[in-house]
Amino acid sequence: MGRLDDKVAVITGGASGIGAGTVRRFAEEGAKVLITDLDEEKGTALASELGDDAAFLRTDVSTEEDVAAMIAEATDRWGRLDCLYNNAGFGGALGPIAKTTVEDYDLTMDVLLKSVFLGMKHAAPVMTEQGSGSIISTASVAGIRVGYAPHLYSVAKCAVIHLTKTVALELGEHNVRVNAICPGFIATPLAAGRPDADESQIQQMRDAGATSQVLGRVGEPADIANMALFLASDESEWMTGQEFIVDGGFEAGRPWSKWPKFAKMERPIRHHRPPGR
């Protein structure tokens, strides 16, 4: 028996990176998966690879009509919706605040935040009527601590975490769980800043980032997929309104070997005791 047998999942941004890794992991565990993405070529190929229990729908997650259509596609095809994983994203607006345009602001918030709102909005009626379901959204360690990502990316991911908590309090009364995953540095084309990054470029990122990670390597899509699997499964049935950090210890701090010398001294530093003490 798979951990997701008889469950139906919709995964946005499912054609590559974290999304594709999660699609494959869910399929391995018995789920029927609707892959949604703007990349028709990769999404269709992945659905064909996985067979009858997977399908692809081209979806612009910033558009309400497309988000409503993807929820309807999953329920029409398989009769229910057990998991929505709001994963689609991109780097968003770059550069200093004074040079950020309103158009870049709108696009960034539409893709990173409005899409999550729309997914929750259209999944909620289906799941509340069922009396069960799990909504998962990809946030980021950048939504918890500043300095890891551009302004608007950080703000949007912080908002995803708060939206997760507020919606969890509403839907929890209907046995629908709402949680967020906060990845650290994951070796994907998105982290490379270009959707067409090849494996050699991604490997360069792995090599460059490994020394700053407590566990000695950067994250892989499978690391996030495993957390998403847990949150989609019945194993997490008493968990809601939480942000789960999956970052190899990066947010906690620097590896011990990179701390100042005093942190590794085995004896107290001896100070001169003033007279009279």
Protein backbone atom coordinates (compact mmCIF):
# COMPACT_ATOMS: atom_id res chain seq x y z
CA MET A 1 0.00 0.00 0.00
CA GLY A 2 1.27 3.45 -0.92
CA ARG A 3 1.03 6.34 1.50
CA LEU A 4 -1.22 8.23 -0.95
CA ASP A 5 -3.30 5.37 -2.35
CA ASP A 6 -6.73 6.55 -3.57
CA LYS A 7 -5.78 10.22 -3.08
CA VAL A 8 -6.01 12.92 -5.76
CA ALA A 9 -3.48 15.76 -5.85
CA VAL A 10 -3.02 18.93 -7.87
CA ILE A 11 0.54 20.27 -8.04
CA THR A 12 1.22 23.69 -9.55
CA GLY A 13 4.57 24.39 -11.14
CA GLY A 14 4.73 20.63 -11.56
CA ALA A 15 6.72 20.37 -14.77
CA SER A 16 10.21 20.95 -13.32
CA GLY A 17 12.26 21.40 -10.17
CA ILE A 18 10.55 20.87 -6.83
CA GLY A 19 7.20 20.43 -8.56
CA ALA A 20 8.34 17.62 -10.85
CA GLY A 21 10.12 15.91 -7.98
CA THR A 22 6.94 16.03 -5.94
CA VAL A 23 4.80 14.78 -8.83
CA ARG A 24 7.02 11.72 -9.15
CA ARG A 25 7.08 11.12 -5.38
CA PHE A 26 3.30 11.34 -5.09
CA ALA A 27 2.85 9.00 -8.05
CA GLU A 28 5.23 6.48 -6.48
CA GLU A 29 3.03 6.47 -3.38
CA GLY A 30 -0.18 5.79 -5.30
CA ALA A 31 -1.68 9.24 -5.88
CA LYS A 32 -3.48 10.41 -8.98
CA VAL A 33 -1.78 13.68 -9.92
CA LEU A 34 -2.82 16.64 -12.03
CA ILE A 35 0.34 18.44 -13.16
CA THR A 36 -0.17 22.13 -13.87
CA ASP A 37 2.39 24.48 -15.36
CA LEU A 38 2.98 26.97 -18.17
CA ASP A 39 5.53 24.63 -19.78
CA GLU A 40 3.39 22.36 -21.94
CA GLU A 41 6.26 20.37 -23.38
CA LYS A 42 7.76 19.32 -20.04
CA GLY A 43 4.39 18.89 -18.34
CA THR A 44 2.97 16.68 -21.08
CA ALA A 45 6.12 14.57 -21.17
CA LEU A 46 6.02 14.02 -17.42
CA ALA A 47 2.35 13.04 -17.50
CA SER A 48 3.04 10.56 -20.32
CA GLU A 49 5.93 9.09 -18.35
CA LEU A 50 3.69 8.41 -15.35
CA GLY A 51 0.77 6.87 -17.24
CA ASP A 52 -2.98 6.89 -16.64
CA ASP A 53 -2.80 8.18 -13.07
CA ALA A 54 -1.29 11.50 -14.16
CA ALA A 55 -2.51 14.29 -16.42
CA PHE A 56 -1.29 17.71 -17.48
CA LEU A 57 -3.20 20.99 -17.72
CA ARG A 58 -1.57 24.20 -18.89
CA THR A 59 -2.30 26.71 -16.13
CA ASP A 60 -1.46 30.33 -15.43
CA VAL A 61 -1.76 30.34 -11.63
CA SER A 62 -2.04 34.13 -11.52
CA THR A 63 -5.38 33.93 -13.39
CA GLU A 64 -8.50 32.97 -11.45
CA GLU A 65 -10.15 31.29 -14.43
CA ASP A 66 -7.17 28.96 -14.87
CA VAL A 67 -6.98 28.08 -11.18
CA ALA A 68 -10.70 27.35 -11.04
CA ALA A 69 -10.32 25.21 -14.16
CA MET A 70 -7.52 23.10 -12.67
CA ILE A 71 -9.56 22.29 -9.57
CA ALA A 72 -12.54 21.40 -11.78
CA GLU A 73 -10.31 19.23 -14.00
CA ALA A 74 -9.08 17.18 -11.06
CA THR A 75 -12.53 16.68 -9.55
CA ASP A 76 -14.18 15.93 -12.91
CA ARG A 77 -11.48 13.43 -13.82
CA TRP A 78 -11.09 11.63 -10.49
CA GLY A 79 -14.10 12.66 -8.39
CA ARG A 80 -12.35 14.34 -5.46
CA LEU A 81 -9.43 16.50 -4.31
CA ASP A 82 -7.28 15.38 -1.40
CA CYS A 83 -4.24 17.61 -1.80
CA LEU A 84 -3.49 20.94 -3.43
CA TYR A 85 0.19 21.85 -3.52
CA ASN A 86 0.63 25.55 -4.38
CA ASN A 87 4.20 25.31 -5.61
CA ALA A 88 4.47 27.46 -8.74
CA GLY A 89 6.87 30.37 -8.46
CA PHE A 90 9.79 32.36 -9.82
CA GLY A 91 12.39 34.80 -8.54
CA GLY A 92 10.31 37.91 -9.06
CA ALA A 93 11.45 41.52 -9.20
CA LEU A 94 15.15 42.18 -8.68
CA GLY A 95 17.21 45.22 -7.74
CA PRO A 96 16.84 48.17 -5.37
CA ILE A 97 13.43 49.36 -4.22
CA ALA A 98 13.76 52.73 -6.00
CA LYS A 99 14.10 50.98 -9.36
CA THR A 100 11.32 48.41 -8.87
CA THR A 101 8.44 49.11 -11.21
CA VAL A 102 4.79 48.74 -10.37
CA GLU A 103 4.49 46.24 -13.22
CA ASP A 104 7.23 44.06 -11.70
CA TYR A 105 5.59 44.38 -8.29
CA ASP A 106 2.22 43.25 -9.65
CA LEU A 107 3.70 40.31 -11.57
CA THR A 108 5.73 39.13 -8.57
CA MET A 109 2.80 39.27 -6.19
CA ASP A 110 0.44 37.69 -8.72
CA VAL A 111 2.65 34.64 -9.19
CA LEU A 112 3.98 34.21 -5.65
CA LEU A 113 1.03 35.28 -3.49
CA LYS A 114 -2.20 35.73 -5.42
CA SER A 115 -1.78 32.25 -6.89
CA VAL A 116 -1.72 30.76 -3.39
CA PHE A 117 -4.83 32.73 -2.42
CA LEU A 118 -6.61 31.54 -5.57
CA GLY A 119 -5.64 27.94 -5.01
CA MET A 120 -6.92 28.02 -1.44
CA LYS A 121 -10.10 29.81 -2.51
CA HIS A 122 -11.07 27.22 -5.12
CA ALA A 123 -9.88 24.12 -3.26
CA ALA A 124 -11.68 25.06 -0.04
CA PRO A 125 -15.30 24.35 -1.17
CA VAL A 126 -14.36 20.91 -2.52
CA MET A 127 -12.40 19.91 0.57
CA THR A 128 -14.89 21.27 3.10
CA GLU A 129 -17.69 19.35 1.41
CA GLN A 130 -15.58 16.18 1.57
CA GLY A 131 -14.68 16.89 5.18
CA SER A 132 -10.99 16.30 4.48
CA GLY A 133 -8.02 17.59 2.56
CA SER A 134 -4.52 19.04 2.74
CA ILE A 135 -3.43 22.35 1.23
CA ILE A 136 0.33 22.84 1.03
CA SER A 137 2.15 25.94 -0.21
CA THR A 138 5.80 26.54 -0.99
CA ALA A 139 7.04 29.46 1.10
CA SER A 140 10.77 29.95 1.82
CA VAL A 141 13.32 30.59 4.53
CA ALA A 142 13.35 34.04 2.90
CA GLY A 143 9.88 34.51 4.33
CA ILE A 144 11.25 34.00 7.84
CA ARG A 145 14.51 35.91 7.80
CA VAL A 146 15.59 38.77 5.53
CA GLY A 147 18.78 38.90 3.51
CA TYR A 148 18.33 35.68 1.56
CA ALA A 149 16.32 36.93 -1.42
CA PRO A 150 15.05 40.07 -3.24
CA HIS A 151 12.62 42.42 -1.49
CA LEU A 152 9.37 41.31 -3.06
CA TYR A 153 10.17 37.59 -3.07
CA SER A 154 10.82 37.79 0.67
CA VAL A 155 7.64 39.78 1.31
CA ALA A 156 5.49 37.44 -0.77
CA LYS A 157 6.83 34.33 0.95
CA CYS A 158 6.29 35.90 4.37
CA ALA A 159 2.69 36.60 3.34
CA VAL A 160 2.25 32.99 2.20
CA ILE A 161 3.17 31.84 5.70
CA HIS A 162 0.65 34.18 7.34
CA LEU A 163 -2.08 33.31 4.84
CA THR A 164 -1.40 29.65 5.61
CA LYS A 165 -1.99 30.26 9.31
CA THR A 166 -5.16 32.33 8.94
CA VAL A 167 -6.77 29.96 6.43
CA ALA A 168 -5.81 26.98 8.60
CA LEU A 169 -7.94 28.43 11.41
CA GLU A 170 -10.94 28.67 9.11
CA LEU A 171 -10.68 25.33 7.32
CA GLY A 172 -9.52 23.32 10.30
CA GLU A 173 -13.09 23.18 11.56
CA HIS A 174 -13.87 21.18 8.42
CA ASN A 175 -10.93 18.79 8.87
CA VAL A 176 -8.94 20.51 6.14
CA ARG A 177 -5.28 21.08 6.97
CA VAL A 178 -3.23 24.03 5.64
CA ASN A 179 0.55 24.10 5.94
CA ALA A 180 3.59 25.66 4.26
CA ILE A 181 7.04 24.36 3.42
CA CYS A 182 10.01 26.74 3.69
CA PRO A 183 12.83 25.39 1.53
CA GLY A 184 16.37 26.62 1.80
CA PHE A 185 18.75 26.49 -1.17
CA ILE A 186 17.49 23.80 -3.55
CA ALA A 187 19.41 22.73 -6.65
CA THR A 188 16.88 23.64 -9.34
CA PRO A 189 16.80 25.82 -12.47
CA LEU A 190 14.94 28.45 -10.42
CA ALA A 191 17.88 28.71 -8.02
CA ALA A 192 20.14 29.17 -11.03
CA GLY A 193 18.02 32.11 -12.10
CA ARG A 194 17.20 30.60 -15.50
CA PRO A 195 14.60 27.98 -16.44
CA ASP A 196 16.87 26.43 -19.07
CA ALA A 197 19.82 25.78 -16.72
CA ASP A 198 21.44 22.45 -17.57
CA GLU A 199 22.72 19.80 -15.18
CA SER A 200 26.31 21.07 -15.30
CA GLN A 201 25.19 24.54 -14.20
CA ILE A 202 23.10 23.08 -11.41
CA GLN A 203 26.07 20.96 -10.31
CA GLN A 204 28.18 24.10 -10.07
CA MET A 205 25.59 25.52 -7.67
CA ARG A 206 25.71 22.33 -5.62
CA ASP A 207 29.49 22.54 -5.33
CA ALA A 208 29.48 26.24 -4.48
CA GLY A 209 26.73 26.02 -1.87
CA ALA A 210 27.74 22.84 -0.06
CA THR A 211 30.34 24.46 2.21
CA SER A 212 27.79 26.86 3.74
CA GLN A 213 25.39 24.05 4.68
CA VAL A 214 25.47 22.41 8.09
CA LEU A 215 24.71 19.00 6.56
CA GLY A 216 27.35 19.40 3.88
CA ARG A 217 25.18 19.62 0.78
CA VAL A 218 22.51 21.79 -0.78
CA GLY A 219 18.93 20.60 -0.99
CA GLU A 220 17.44 18.54 -3.78
CA PRO A 221 13.84 18.51 -5.06
CA ALA A 222 13.40 15.13 -3.36
CA ASP A 223 14.04 16.72 0.05
CA ILE A 224 11.03 19.01 -0.39
CA ALA A 225 8.97 16.30 -2.06
CA ASN A 226 9.40 14.10 1.01
CA MET A 227 8.03 16.83 3.27
CA ALA A 228 5.14 17.46 0.88
CA LEU A 229 4.42 13.73 0.89
CA PHE A 230 4.25 13.72 4.67
CA LEU A 231 1.90 16.72 4.73
CA ALA A 232 -0.33 15.21 2.02
CA SER A 233 -0.55 11.87 3.80
CA ASP A 234 -2.66 10.85 6.79
CA GLU A 235 0.53 10.74 8.87
CA SER A 236 0.24 14.51 9.40
CA GLU A 237 -3.47 14.49 10.23
CA TRP A 238 -2.95 16.50 13.47
CA MET A 239 -0.77 19.22 11.97
CA THR A 240 -2.08 22.48 10.56
CA GLY A 241 -1.22 26.16 10.41
CA GLN A 242 2.51 25.52 10.43
CA GLU A 243 5.56 26.46 8.37
CA PHE A 244 8.03 23.59 8.08
CA ILE A 245 11.64 24.62 7.45
CA VAL A 246 13.50 22.19 5.19
CA ASP A 247 16.91 23.77 4.63
CA GLY A 248 19.68 21.50 5.89
CA GLY A 249 20.10 23.72 8.96
CA PHE A 250 20.92 26.85 6.93
CA GLU A 251 18.48 29.15 8.71
CA ALA A 252 19.78 28.01 12.11
CA GLY A 253 23.22 29.44 11.41
CA ARG A 254 26.75 28.79 10.18
CA PRO A 255 28.40 25.38 10.46
CA TRP A 256 30.36 24.98 13.70
CA SER A 257 33.66 24.78 11.77
CA LYS A 258 33.11 28.34 10.55
CA TRP A 259 32.48 29.85 14.00
CA PRO A 260 35.06 32.16 15.64
CA LYS A 261 37.86 30.50 17.60
CA PHE A 262 36.29 31.23 20.99
CA ALA A 263 33.36 28.95 20.16
CA LYS A 264 35.70 25.97 19.87
CA MET A 265 37.88 26.57 22.94
CA GLU A 266 37.72 23.77 25.46
CA ARG A 267 38.49 25.87 28.54
CA PRO A 268 37.15 29.22 29.80
CA ILE A 269 39.06 32.33 28.84
CA ARG A 270 40.87 33.53 31.98
CA HIS A 271 40.51 37.22 32.78
CA HIS A 272 42.48 39.31 35.29
CA ARG A 273 40.48 39.68 38.52
CA PRO A 274 40.34 43.34 39.67
CA PRO A 275 41.59 44.13 43.19
CA GLY A 276 38.99 43.68 45.91
CA ARG A 277 37.09 41.03 44.04
